[in-house]
Amino acid sequence: MSDEQRILLLTGASRGIGHATVQKFNNEGWRVITCSRHAFPEECPWGGGAENHVQVDLADPKNTIEAINDIRTRLNGKLHALVNNAGISPKGEDGERLNTLDTDLRTWGHVFHVNFFASVVLARGMREELASVQGSVVNVTSIAGSRVHPFAGAAYATSKAALAALTREMAHDFGPLGVRVNAIAPGEVETAILSPGTDKIVDQLPMRRLGQPEEVADAIYFLCSRRSSYISGAEIEVNGAQHV
């Protein structure tokens, strides 16, 4: 393996886990290319330039597919890691959880396009670039994908469960290309968009505290590094033992 600068393609970089992930990889010397429906911010918090940002609406399948060629022009044939982190979890008018009875079909489709289908499109579109350097894919799932959560809605939860299944399927299919595919399943992480009442969940956690975005970013970095070279098809719980 050469010492050339490694490249990460990341969705959902503007806040929370995504923002911490950008900072982690940037500090480790990686070049980070971000994807967002928003234009490149004038004040980039991680020191990149507009050439490292792709404006794409992941809720729009056609737009996501069209973005593949744009992304490729920035890679020079090599992509060392793809992190599918973007995710949306719509709430009701008063911030309430949307369940299977009151989530309209348009919302279901919107959530699945961002949380699930975009991951398929990007991984398939980047398979040659990933294979050329035996790269890694990390899908960000959620503890809500394996149980009913008091705040995460039904569409969000089922999209994350589907993403966990997709991770296994991709690990099987991408393995012969030399590409590893894993997932991380965060629990309650301290960000600016925590739902009211999260403190009651924290009281029930074995570690009795919220996770930090940097702790999740560290797990993502490990799965993209050479230190995890024989790990594929795994979903790592990053939740302070909440899943037990």
C-alpha atoms as a PDB file:
ATOM      1  CA  MET A   1       0.000   0.000   0.000  1.00  0.00           C
ATOM      2  CA  SER A   2       1.299   3.422  -0.893  1.00  0.00           C
ATOM      3  CA  ASP A   3       1.334   6.460   1.338  1.00  0.00           C
ATOM      4  CA  GLU A   4      -0.808   8.518  -1.063  1.00  0.00           C
ATOM      5  CA  GLN A   5      -3.512  10.680   0.468  1.00  0.00           C
ATOM      6  CA  ARG A   6      -6.585   8.590   1.116  1.00  0.00           C
ATOM      7  CA  ILE A   7     -10.026   9.818   0.035  1.00  0.00           C
ATOM      8  CA  LEU A   8     -13.361   9.615   1.860  1.00  0.00           C
ATOM      9  CA  LEU A   9     -16.775  10.257   0.314  1.00  0.00           C
ATOM     10  CA  LEU A  10     -19.267  11.173   3.049  1.00  0.00           C
ATOM     11  CA  THR A  11     -22.960  11.992   3.072  1.00  0.00           C
ATOM     12  CA  GLY A  12     -24.581  13.984   5.869  1.00  0.00           C
ATOM     13  CA  ALA A  13     -21.519  15.967   6.913  1.00  0.00           C
ATOM     14  CA  SER A  14     -23.045  19.196   8.184  1.00  0.00           C
ATOM     15  CA  ARG A  15     -23.771  18.270  11.792  1.00  0.00           C
ATOM     16  CA  GLY A  16     -23.617  15.646  14.507  1.00  0.00           C
ATOM     17  CA  ILE A  17     -21.933  12.354  13.653  1.00  0.00           C
ATOM     18  CA  GLY A  18     -21.194  13.452  10.096  1.00  0.00           C
ATOM     19  CA  HIS A  19     -19.468  16.624  11.179  1.00  0.00           C
ATOM     20  CA  ALA A  20     -17.370  14.744  13.747  1.00  0.00           C
ATOM     21  CA  THR A  21     -16.469  12.201  11.053  1.00  0.00           C
ATOM     22  CA  VAL A  22     -15.240  14.921   8.694  1.00  0.00           C
ATOM     23  CA  GLN A  23     -13.048  16.341  11.428  1.00  0.00           C
ATOM     24  CA  LYS A  24     -11.673  12.911  12.389  1.00  0.00           C
ATOM     25  CA  PHE A  25     -10.670  11.939   8.856  1.00  0.00           C
ATOM     26  CA  ASN A  26      -9.365  15.426   8.109  1.00  0.00           C
ATOM     27  CA  ASN A  27      -7.165  15.301  11.213  1.00  0.00           C
ATOM     28  CA  GLU A  28      -5.839  11.922  10.056  1.00  0.00           C
ATOM     29  CA  GLY A  29      -4.746  13.448   6.755  1.00  0.00           C
ATOM     30  CA  TRP A  30      -7.548  12.214   4.518  1.00  0.00           C
ATOM     31  CA  ARG A  31      -9.135  14.230   1.761  1.00  0.00           C
ATOM     32  CA  VAL A  32     -12.877  14.389   2.506  1.00  0.00           C
ATOM     33  CA  ILE A  33     -15.454  14.839  -0.248  1.00  0.00           C
ATOM     34  CA  THR A  34     -18.892  15.715   1.084  1.00  0.00           C
ATOM     35  CA  CYS A  35     -22.345  15.300  -0.442  1.00  0.00           C
ATOM     36  CA  SER A  36     -25.264  17.537   0.479  1.00  0.00           C
ATOM     37  CA  ARG A  37     -28.375  19.075  -1.056  1.00  0.00           C
ATOM     38  CA  HIS A  38     -26.985  22.417   0.090  1.00  0.00           C
ATOM     39  CA  ALA A  39     -24.319  24.378  -1.752  1.00  0.00           C
ATOM     40  CA  PHE A  40     -20.773  24.494  -0.423  1.00  0.00           C
ATOM     41  CA  PRO A  41     -20.749  26.599   2.771  1.00  0.00           C
ATOM     42  CA  GLU A  42     -18.772  29.822   2.596  1.00  0.00           C
ATOM     43  CA  GLU A  43     -17.165  29.049   5.935  1.00  0.00           C
ATOM     44  CA  CYS A  44     -16.163  25.397   5.674  1.00  0.00           C
ATOM     45  CA  PRO A  45     -15.532  24.019   9.198  1.00  0.00           C
ATOM     46  CA  TRP A  46     -13.089  21.350   8.038  1.00  0.00           C
ATOM     47  CA  GLY A  47     -10.825  23.355   5.776  1.00  0.00           C
ATOM     48  CA  GLY A  48     -11.839  21.827   2.444  1.00  0.00           C
ATOM     49  CA  GLY A  49     -12.693  23.723  -0.700  1.00  0.00           C
ATOM     50  CA  ALA A  50     -15.611  23.761  -3.124  1.00  0.00           C
ATOM     51  CA  GLU A  51     -13.793  21.116  -5.167  1.00  0.00           C
ATOM     52  CA  ASN A  52     -14.421  18.735  -2.247  1.00  0.00           C
ATOM     53  CA  HIS A  53     -18.181  19.240  -2.169  1.00  0.00           C
ATOM     54  CA  VAL A  54     -20.890  17.735  -4.374  1.00  0.00           C
ATOM     55  CA  GLN A  55     -24.350  19.260  -4.281  1.00  0.00           C
ATOM     56  CA  VAL A  56     -26.905  16.461  -4.629  1.00  0.00           C
ATOM     57  CA  ASP A  57     -30.409  15.816  -3.330  1.00  0.00           C
ATOM     58  CA  LEU A  58     -30.278  12.251  -2.024  1.00  0.00           C
ATOM     59  CA  ALA A  59     -34.083  12.213  -1.826  1.00  0.00           C
ATOM     60  CA  ASP A  60     -34.169  12.410  -5.626  1.00  0.00           C
ATOM     61  CA  PRO A  61     -33.055   9.116  -7.241  1.00  0.00           C
ATOM     62  CA  LYS A  62     -32.449  10.732 -10.634  1.00  0.00           C
ATOM     63  CA  ASN A  63     -30.348  13.500  -9.110  1.00  0.00           C
ATOM     64  CA  THR A  64     -28.354  10.980  -7.057  1.00  0.00           C
ATOM     65  CA  ILE A  65     -27.606   8.848 -10.110  1.00  0.00           C
ATOM     66  CA  GLU A  66     -26.596  11.914 -12.111  1.00  0.00           C
ATOM     67  CA  ALA A  67     -24.197  12.969  -9.328  1.00  0.00           C
ATOM     68  CA  ILE A  68     -22.097   9.830  -9.810  1.00  0.00           C
ATOM     69  CA  ASN A  69     -20.237  11.243 -12.813  1.00  0.00           C
ATOM     70  CA  ASP A  70     -19.621  14.521 -10.979  1.00  0.00           C
ATOM     71  CA  ILE A  71     -18.140  12.616  -8.046  1.00  0.00           C
ATOM     72  CA  ARG A  72     -15.973  10.491 -10.319  1.00  0.00           C
ATOM     73  CA  THR A  73     -14.318  13.549 -11.875  1.00  0.00           C
ATOM     74  CA  ARG A  74     -12.958  14.400  -8.406  1.00  0.00           C
ATOM     75  CA  LEU A  75     -11.519  10.977  -7.570  1.00  0.00           C
ATOM     76  CA  ASN A  76      -8.858  10.153 -10.169  1.00  0.00           C
ATOM     77  CA  GLY A  77     -10.082   6.567 -10.187  1.00  0.00           C
ATOM     78  CA  LYS A  78      -9.603   5.913  -6.485  1.00  0.00           C
ATOM     79  CA  LEU A  79     -11.940   5.969  -3.472  1.00  0.00           C
ATOM     80  CA  HIS A  80     -10.670   4.558  -0.198  1.00  0.00           C
ATOM     81  CA  ALA A  81     -13.882   4.873   1.809  1.00  0.00           C
ATOM     82  CA  LEU A  82     -17.576   5.626   1.373  1.00  0.00           C
ATOM     83  CA  VAL A  83     -19.584   6.495   4.493  1.00  0.00           C
ATOM     84  CA  ASN A  84     -23.344   6.569   4.028  1.00  0.00           C
ATOM     85  CA  ASN A  85     -24.291   8.716   7.006  1.00  0.00           C
ATOM     86  CA  ALA A  86     -27.121  10.921   5.732  1.00  0.00           C
ATOM     87  CA  GLY A  87     -30.448  10.204   7.358  1.00  0.00           C
ATOM     88  CA  ILE A  88     -33.766  11.893   8.040  1.00  0.00           C
ATOM     89  CA  SER A  89     -36.390  11.165  10.702  1.00  0.00           C
ATOM     90  CA  PRO A  90     -39.537  13.225  10.151  1.00  0.00           C
ATOM     91  CA  LYS A  91     -41.770  14.137  13.088  1.00  0.00           C
ATOM     92  CA  GLY A  92     -45.397  15.172  13.410  1.00  0.00           C
ATOM     93  CA  GLU A  93     -46.612  18.767  13.593  1.00  0.00           C
ATOM     94  CA  ASP A  94     -45.929  18.924  17.328  1.00  0.00           C
ATOM     95  CA  GLY A  95     -42.715  16.908  17.168  1.00  0.00           C
ATOM     96  CA  GLU A  96     -44.417  13.607  17.885  1.00  0.00           C
ATOM     97  CA  ARG A  97     -43.219  10.228  16.631  1.00  0.00           C
ATOM     98  CA  LEU A  98     -44.782   9.142  13.325  1.00  0.00           C
ATOM     99  CA  ASN A  99     -45.918   5.521  13.496  1.00  0.00           C
ATOM    100  CA  THR A 100     -47.124   3.076  10.846  1.00  0.00           C
ATOM    101  CA  LEU A 101     -50.708   4.333  11.153  1.00  0.00           C
ATOM    102  CA  ASP A 102     -50.089   8.026  10.567  1.00  0.00           C
ATOM    103  CA  THR A 103     -47.082   8.185   8.214  1.00  0.00           C
ATOM    104  CA  ASP A 104     -48.217   8.991   4.675  1.00  0.00           C
ATOM    105  CA  LEU A 105     -46.733   7.152   1.698  1.00  0.00           C
ATOM    106  CA  ARG A 106     -44.940  10.227   0.383  1.00  0.00           C
ATOM    107  CA  THR A 107     -43.043  10.476   3.674  1.00  0.00           C
ATOM    108  CA  TRP A 108     -42.176   6.777   3.548  1.00  0.00           C
ATOM    109  CA  GLY A 109     -40.723   7.225   0.080  1.00  0.00           C
ATOM    110  CA  HIS A 110     -38.781  10.353   1.045  1.00  0.00           C
ATOM    111  CA  VAL A 111     -37.211   8.657   4.067  1.00  0.00           C
ATOM    112  CA  PHE A 112     -36.254   5.502   2.189  1.00  0.00           C
ATOM    113  CA  HIS A 113     -34.684   7.399  -0.704  1.00  0.00           C
ATOM    114  CA  VAL A 114     -32.366   9.294   1.657  1.00  0.00           C
ATOM    115  CA  ASN A 115     -31.726   6.627   4.299  1.00  0.00           C
ATOM    116  CA  PHE A 116     -31.578   3.523   2.113  1.00  0.00           C
ATOM    117  CA  PHE A 117     -31.646   3.834  -1.687  1.00  0.00           C
ATOM    118  CA  ALA A 118     -28.974   6.551  -1.844  1.00  0.00           C
ATOM    119  CA  SER A 119     -26.554   4.132  -0.174  1.00  0.00           C
ATOM    120  CA  VAL A 120     -27.194   1.560  -2.916  1.00  0.00           C
ATOM    121  CA  VAL A 121     -26.772   4.101  -5.690  1.00  0.00           C
ATOM    122  CA  LEU A 122     -23.523   5.545  -4.346  1.00  0.00           C
ATOM    123  CA  ALA A 123     -21.898   2.196  -3.550  1.00  0.00           C
ATOM    124  CA  ARG A 124     -22.755   0.719  -6.933  1.00  0.00           C
ATOM    125  CA  GLY A 125     -21.696   3.895  -8.700  1.00  0.00           C
ATOM    126  CA  MET A 126     -18.337   3.932  -6.919  1.00  0.00           C
ATOM    127  CA  ARG A 127     -17.570   0.222  -7.075  1.00  0.00           C
ATOM    128  CA  GLU A 128     -14.704   0.540  -9.581  1.00  0.00           C
ATOM    129  CA  GLU A 129     -13.047   3.326  -7.602  1.00  0.00           C
ATOM    130  CA  LEU A 130     -13.477   1.381  -4.354  1.00  0.00           C
ATOM    131  CA  ALA A 131     -12.194  -1.855  -5.868  1.00  0.00           C
ATOM    132  CA  SER A 132      -9.093  -0.179  -7.325  1.00  0.00           C
ATOM    133  CA  VAL A 133      -7.740   0.437  -3.798  1.00  0.00           C
ATOM    134  CA  GLN A 134      -9.630  -2.281  -1.893  1.00  0.00           C
ATOM    135  CA  GLY A 135     -11.652   0.367  -0.134  1.00  0.00           C
ATOM    136  CA  SER A 136     -14.293   0.250   2.552  1.00  0.00           C
ATOM    137  CA  VAL A 137     -17.977   1.127   2.854  1.00  0.00           C
ATOM    138  CA  VAL A 138     -19.589   2.032   6.177  1.00  0.00           C
ATOM    139  CA  ASN A 139     -23.354   2.385   6.477  1.00  0.00           C
ATOM    140  CA  VAL A 140     -24.676   4.276   9.504  1.00  0.00           C
ATOM    141  CA  THR A 141     -27.692   2.387  10.810  1.00  0.00           C
ATOM    142  CA  SER A 142     -29.311   2.901  14.227  1.00  0.00           C
ATOM    143  CA  ILE A 143     -30.397   1.125  17.370  1.00  0.00           C
ATOM    144  CA  ALA A 144     -33.907   2.010  16.184  1.00  0.00           C
ATOM    145  CA  GLY A 145     -33.450  -0.512  13.386  1.00  0.00           C
ATOM    146  CA  SER A 146     -33.749  -3.416  15.811  1.00  0.00           C
ATOM    147  CA  ARG A 147     -36.464  -2.247  18.232  1.00  0.00           C
ATOM    148  CA  VAL A 148     -39.300   0.240  18.585  1.00  0.00           C
ATOM    149  CA  HIS A 149     -37.809   3.545  19.694  1.00  0.00           C
ATOM    150  CA  PRO A 150     -39.750   6.188  21.639  1.00  0.00           C
ATOM    151  CA  PHE A 151     -38.687   9.018  19.312  1.00  0.00           C
ATOM    152  CA  ALA A 152     -37.547   7.558  15.975  1.00  0.00           C
ATOM    153  CA  GLY A 153     -40.492   7.078  13.627  1.00  0.00           C
ATOM    154  CA  ALA A 154     -41.564   3.909  11.844  1.00  0.00           C
ATOM    155  CA  ALA A 155     -40.236   4.972   8.443  1.00  0.00           C
ATOM    156  CA  TYR A 156     -36.840   5.884   9.907  1.00  0.00           C
ATOM    157  CA  ALA A 157     -36.596   2.665  11.910  1.00  0.00           C
ATOM    158  CA  THR A 158     -37.519   0.375   9.047  1.00  0.00           C
ATOM    159  CA  SER A 159     -35.182   2.178   6.660  1.00  0.00           C
ATOM    160  CA  LYS A 160     -32.320   1.592   9.104  1.00  0.00           C
ATOM    161  CA  ALA A 161     -33.284  -2.078   9.506  1.00  0.00           C
ATOM    162  CA  ALA A 162     -33.216  -2.368   5.712  1.00  0.00           C
ATOM    163  CA  LEU A 163     -29.804  -0.670   5.645  1.00  0.00           C
ATOM    164  CA  ALA A 164     -28.467  -3.264   8.101  1.00  0.00           C
ATOM    165  CA  ALA A 165     -29.681  -6.058   5.800  1.00  0.00           C
ATOM    166  CA  LEU A 166     -28.199  -4.234   2.834  1.00  0.00           C
ATOM    167  CA  THR A 167     -24.838  -4.144   4.615  1.00  0.00           C
ATOM    168  CA  ARG A 168     -24.782  -7.945   4.785  1.00  0.00           C
ATOM    169  CA  GLU A 169     -25.792  -8.270   1.133  1.00  0.00           C
ATOM    170  CA  MET A 170     -23.173  -5.756   0.017  1.00  0.00           C
ATOM    171  CA  ALA A 171     -20.447  -7.441   2.077  1.00  0.00           C
ATOM    172  CA  HIS A 172     -21.233 -10.654   0.194  1.00  0.00           C
ATOM    173  CA  ASP A 173     -21.332  -9.004  -3.233  1.00  0.00           C
ATOM    174  CA  PHE A 174     -18.449  -6.543  -2.858  1.00  0.00           C
ATOM    175  CA  GLY A 175     -16.137  -8.988  -1.082  1.00  0.00           C
ATOM    176  CA  PRO A 176     -14.778 -10.566  -4.290  1.00  0.00           C
ATOM    177  CA  LEU A 177     -13.831  -7.043  -5.405  1.00  0.00           C
ATOM    178  CA  GLY A 178     -11.680  -6.635  -2.300  1.00  0.00           C
ATOM    179  CA  VAL A 179     -14.111  -4.102  -0.812  1.00  0.00           C
ATOM    180  CA  ARG A 180     -15.253  -4.445   2.794  1.00  0.00           C
ATOM    181  CA  VAL A 181     -18.749  -3.334   3.845  1.00  0.00           C
ATOM    182  CA  ASN A 182     -19.762  -2.791   7.466  1.00  0.00           C
ATOM    183  CA  ALA A 183     -22.235  -0.801   9.522  1.00  0.00           C
ATOM    184  CA  ILE A 184     -22.289   1.031  12.810  1.00  0.00           C
ATOM    185  CA  ALA A 185     -25.470   1.338  14.858  1.00  0.00           C
ATOM    186  CA  PRO A 186     -25.363   4.408  17.117  1.00  0.00           C
ATOM    187  CA  GLY A 187     -27.657   4.758  20.116  1.00  0.00           C
ATOM    188  CA  GLU A 188     -28.345   8.010  21.951  1.00  0.00           C
ATOM    189  CA  VAL A 189     -25.671  10.461  20.808  1.00  0.00           C
ATOM    190  CA  GLU A 190     -25.393  14.013  22.116  1.00  0.00           C
ATOM    191  CA  THR A 191     -26.143  16.369  19.244  1.00  0.00           C
ATOM    192  CA  ALA A 192     -28.064  19.600  18.780  1.00  0.00           C
ATOM    193  CA  ILE A 193     -31.196  17.748  17.644  1.00  0.00           C
ATOM    194  CA  LEU A 194     -31.814  15.446  20.604  1.00  0.00           C
ATOM    195  CA  SER A 195     -35.489  14.784  21.260  1.00  0.00           C
ATOM    196  CA  PRO A 196     -37.023  16.001  24.527  1.00  0.00           C
ATOM    197  CA  GLY A 197     -37.137  13.136  26.997  1.00  0.00           C
ATOM    198  CA  THR A 198     -33.836  11.584  25.978  1.00  0.00           C
ATOM    199  CA  ASP A 199     -32.635  12.062  29.550  1.00  0.00           C
ATOM    200  CA  LYS A 200     -35.093   9.345  30.618  1.00  0.00           C
ATOM    201  CA  ILE A 201     -33.466   6.904  28.206  1.00  0.00           C
ATOM    202  CA  VAL A 202     -30.015   7.798  29.528  1.00  0.00           C
ATOM    203  CA  ASP A 203     -31.071   6.774  33.035  1.00  0.00           C
ATOM    204  CA  GLN A 204     -31.666   3.253  31.692  1.00  0.00           C
ATOM    205  CA  LEU A 205     -28.352   2.898  29.854  1.00  0.00           C
ATOM    206  CA  PRO A 206     -25.691   0.680  31.449  1.00  0.00           C
ATOM    207  CA  MET A 207     -23.088   3.433  30.986  1.00  0.00           C
ATOM    208  CA  ARG A 208     -25.472   6.149  32.256  1.00  0.00           C
ATOM    209  CA  ARG A 209     -24.457   8.754  29.694  1.00  0.00           C
ATOM    210  CA  LEU A 210     -25.001   9.906  26.140  1.00  0.00           C
ATOM    211  CA  GLY A 211     -22.516   8.974  23.462  1.00  0.00           C
ATOM    212  CA  GLN A 212     -20.409  11.677  21.847  1.00  0.00           C
ATOM    213  CA  PRO A 213     -20.257  12.207  18.070  1.00  0.00           C
ATOM    214  CA  GLU A 214     -16.468  11.819  18.244  1.00  0.00           C
ATOM    215  CA  GLU A 215     -16.862   8.320  19.715  1.00  0.00           C
ATOM    216  CA  VAL A 216     -18.984   7.264  16.760  1.00  0.00           C
ATOM    217  CA  ALA A 217     -16.550   8.900  14.332  1.00  0.00           C
ATOM    218  CA  ASP A 218     -13.709   6.887  15.871  1.00  0.00           C
ATOM    219  CA  ALA A 219     -15.603   3.650  15.179  1.00  0.00           C
ATOM    220  CA  ILE A 220     -16.240   4.716  11.583  1.00  0.00           C
ATOM    221  CA  TYR A 221     -12.568   5.550  11.121  1.00  0.00           C
ATOM    222  CA  PHE A 222     -11.535   2.141  12.467  1.00  0.00           C
ATOM    223  CA  LEU A 223     -13.760   0.379   9.925  1.00  0.00           C
ATOM    224  CA  CYS A 224     -12.213   2.443   7.132  1.00  0.00           C
ATOM    225  CA  SER A 225      -8.642   1.834   8.261  1.00  0.00           C
ATOM    226  CA  ARG A 226      -6.258  -1.029   7.558  1.00  0.00           C
ATOM    227  CA  ARG A 227      -6.636  -2.147  11.179  1.00  0.00           C
ATOM    228  CA  SER A 228     -10.015  -3.654  10.306  1.00  0.00           C
ATOM    229  CA  SER A 229      -8.771  -5.383   7.159  1.00  0.00           C
ATOM    230  CA  TYR A 230     -10.590  -8.684   7.868  1.00  0.00           C
ATOM    231  CA  ILE A 231     -13.850  -7.268   9.189  1.00  0.00           C
ATOM    232  CA  SER A 232     -16.739  -7.240   6.746  1.00  0.00           C
ATOM    233  CA  GLY A 233     -20.481  -7.764   7.006  1.00  0.00           C
ATOM    234  CA  ALA A 234     -20.516  -6.600  10.625  1.00  0.00           C
ATOM    235  CA  GLU A 235     -22.831  -4.132  12.353  1.00  0.00           C
ATOM    236  CA  ILE A 236     -21.052  -2.642  15.349  1.00  0.00           C
ATOM    237  CA  GLU A 237     -23.219  -1.315  18.178  1.00  0.00           C
ATOM    238  CA  VAL A 238     -21.973   2.087  19.402  1.00  0.00           C
ATOM    239  CA  ASN A 239     -24.466   2.727  22.156  1.00  0.00           C
ATOM    240  CA  GLY A 240     -22.974   2.163  25.605  1.00  0.00           C
ATOM    241  CA  ALA A 241     -24.613  -1.306  25.820  1.00  0.00           C
ATOM    242  CA  GLN A 242     -28.081   0.097  25.213  1.00  0.00           C
ATOM    243  CA  HIS A 243     -28.794  -2.866  22.915  1.00  0.00           C
ATOM    244  CA  VAL A 244     -28.439  -5.385  25.768  1.00  0.00           C
END
